[in-house]
């Protein structure tokens, strides 16, 4: 099955993996638009003093007394008032933490007393609404069926963030059920949170499923955010919202307390405006967890500080695999890839033409089969132990049918229903899908990396964002580079590469398991040489 056809028919999934074509945004009508510019202070919109400030700059501001953590929280809330709930109404944040200011004040007290927990001390962070927090906020995956679900305890990742001194200021909207509800879904839409909008051109798609996290970071509604990915849910919204997203190796970050799709492919990861900030956040959330068996494999492979890999000359002498086929037929995308590869060569990388993506065409069906089995098993286990009014997938399906005008006003729930019909993961059909999808993907990547002695594989992450379409759903394009790393469980980082018609396009690096450090170093060198991040302008439409 073709990768594009798989994503279209499966509605995939925590994916949102390649939005290039719609009736108003297609391969033949894209124009380069304005030349991209770096964040050198000359292109920043007026009116918000925290625009584009990094974690390090915010720390310096708090250390000098210019800012307090409580003051930062207040400023970000004000930014949400201006852009998220009014103005362009980005609808990136589904719920604010009513205790955020109080938490920040306590951390300010620690700083005054000479205690600083680390680089995230007092830093405001947003997390996706499928991640448990043991506080007053709900965890709903954007679903009305789960409204009222206040977790009894923090997820492992929320606990790690609090221990690091981060202030969780709210939950972000997402493609409902992490885009695993329907075959005709619109990324960034949920029945609880509405439609999240792309901050560059607001009638365009933010991708998903970590839509709110990607938009919030890009629009400066927070310093950094957490997303989750099963296939493309971090890297796709990072690409189309002009930010950095890291999907770690499965097992580097615990999934305990996260509403699941696939135990084989799920992971949480950082979303930030710079590679440095993403590296800082990754160091804070990585760790082993007895409650998540996959993290046992991370022992000896994780780092407390990934900023040690930030080297501007990291591309020198590295062998980078680039697919021999062009990224679709759009000449502007082809030109953008040439610009990116020219930059790699200029930084001393050796580019190696490889052919591997066609082999993933045969994996799409198995991937979707795998996820339906794992989703049914995982979500039933989560709901049964939760404080949600719905205690099973069957009850969620029934709720949506009974409340169809509000729960399903556009697309329906075919994926939930097909998943509910699946049997046990002990069966042969599931085991066959696991072998074809995960094991097959690893075999392909391991072989191409070994045969060509590659340090990483790279390419444009995907095309620019399509238009928002809640009637017909997302229109997938010819190019997306999320599946290989997703199905194998290997790490993947997307970093801004430039613009096509004022819409961001990301550049991806992925490689073998536990190669986060190397990928961060390559992405950092690429970022610093190109400086393609541009502040969004919140344009209403192309016209």
Foldseek 3Di string as FASTA:
>chain_A
DAPQVLCLQQLDDLALFFFQDDPVGHLPPWFQADFFDFPPPPFDDPDQPCPPPALVNVVVCLLVVVDALLRVLVSLVVLCVCPCCDDLNQLFFLWWAPCQSVLRVVLSVCVVVVDALDSQASFEEEEALQFAACGPDARFLLFPQFPPFHFNHGFLQVVLCVSSNHRHTGHTAFQRNSSLFFSQAATQAGLRRGRGAALQAGLFGLGARSSSQLRCQLQVSGAKYKDKGLFHHFQVSCQFNFWKWKQAQLQQADCGRGQDQALQFMDMAIIHRALQNRQQSSLSGGDHDPVNVSNVVCVVLHDNGLNVLADLLLLAPFEEEEEPDAQDDRVVQSVLFVVLVVLSVVSHHHYDYDHQPVLCRVLSVLSLVLRLQRNQVRNLVVLCPIPGPDNHLVSSLVVCVVVVVSRPVAGGGVSSVVSNPDDHCVDPSNVVSLCCQQVVLQVRQVVRCVVRVGPWYKTWQYHHTDGGDSHRHRNRDSDHDGRSCSRNSWMKMWHWRTGINSTTITMMITHGHSSVSSRSNVRSNSCVSRSRRGRHDSHHHSD
